[in-house]
C-alpha cells in the first residue's frame, strides 16, 4: 500500500464519522458524497499512482470546506 492510500482512507474515515454524527439533511448527503469520493480515490491509489485525480481531491476538499462553513 502506498502513502496516498493511507492518506485518502483517513480522509474517508473522518468524513464518514462526521456524516454519521450529523442530523438528516442535505448537508449530510453531501458529506456522505465527500466520503465516497475519498474512498474511491483510496481504492484507485492502491493500484497505481493517481496524480491525475488531484482535481477530484481538490473538489472534494472544497465541498468539505463548504460543509464546514469555511471560505
Protein backbone atom coordinates (compact mmCIF):
# COMPACT_ATOMS: atom_id res chain seq x y z
CA UNK A 1 0.00 0.00 0.00
CA UNK A 2 1.11 3.49 -0.66
CA UNK A 3 1.05 6.61 1.43
CA UNK A 4 -1.63 8.04 -0.85
CA UNK A 5 -3.93 5.14 0.02
CA UNK A 6 -3.48 5.76 3.74
CA UNK A 7 -3.96 9.50 3.29
CA UNK A 8 -7.18 9.18 1.28
CA UNK A 9 -8.53 6.42 3.51
CA UNK A 10 -8.02 8.50 6.65
CA UNK A 11 -9.94 11.34 4.99
CA UNK A 12 -12.70 8.91 4.03
CA UNK A 13 -12.98 7.58 7.58
CA UNK A 14 -13.14 11.08 9.06
CA UNK A 15 -15.79 12.10 6.53
CA UNK A 16 -17.95 9.05 7.27
CA UNK A 17 -17.72 9.63 11.01
CA UNK A 18 -18.70 13.25 10.56
CA UNK A 19 -21.67 12.27 8.37
CA UNK A 20 -22.88 9.76 10.93
CA UNK A 21 -22.86 12.44 13.62
CA UNK A 22 -24.92 14.88 11.53
CA UNK A 23 -28.73 15.01 11.61
CA UNK A 24 -30.58 14.12 8.41
CA UNK A 25 -30.27 17.00 5.98
CA UNK A 26 -28.95 17.86 2.53
CA UNK A 27 -25.59 18.61 4.17
CA UNK A 28 -25.41 15.06 5.49
CA UNK A 29 -25.95 13.71 1.97
CA UNK A 30 -23.18 15.98 0.68
CA UNK A 31 -20.88 14.81 3.46
CA UNK A 32 -21.56 11.18 2.53
CA UNK A 33 -20.74 12.05 -1.09
CA UNK A 34 -17.42 13.52 0.03
CA UNK A 35 -16.70 10.31 1.92
CA UNK A 36 -17.48 8.24 -1.17
CA UNK A 37 -15.12 10.33 -3.31
CA UNK A 38 -12.30 9.87 -0.80
CA UNK A 39 -12.97 6.15 -0.64
CA UNK A 40 -12.88 5.80 -4.43
CA UNK A 41 -9.64 7.78 -4.57
CA UNK A 42 -8.16 5.48 -1.93
CA UNK A 43 -9.17 2.37 -3.84
CA UNK A 44 -7.65 3.68 -7.07
CA UNK A 45 -4.44 4.81 -5.39
CA UNK A 46 -3.90 1.29 -4.04
CA UNK A 47 -3.30 0.03 -7.59
CA UNK A 48 -1.42 2.84 -9.29
CA UNK A 49 -0.27 6.40 -8.72
CA UNK A 50 -3.19 8.72 -9.20
CA UNK A 51 -1.70 12.13 -9.86
CA UNK A 52 -4.42 12.68 -12.46
CA UNK A 53 -7.04 12.53 -9.66
CA UNK A 54 -5.77 15.64 -7.88
CA UNK A 55 -8.64 17.70 -9.31
CA UNK A 56 -11.14 15.22 -7.82
CA UNK A 57 -9.41 15.51 -4.46
CA UNK A 58 -9.43 19.30 -4.62
CA UNK A 59 -13.14 19.32 -5.48
CA UNK A 60 -13.88 17.05 -2.51
CA UNK A 61 -11.83 19.30 -0.20
CA UNK A 62 -13.71 22.37 -1.49
CA UNK A 63 -17.05 20.72 -0.76
CA UNK A 64 -15.78 19.65 2.67
CA UNK A 65 -14.85 23.26 3.48
CA UNK A 66 -18.28 24.40 2.26
CA UNK A 67 -19.98 21.91 4.57
CA UNK A 68 -17.79 23.07 7.47
CA UNK A 69 -18.74 26.68 6.73
CA UNK A 70 -15.20 27.81 5.94
CA UNK A 71 -14.34 30.04 2.97
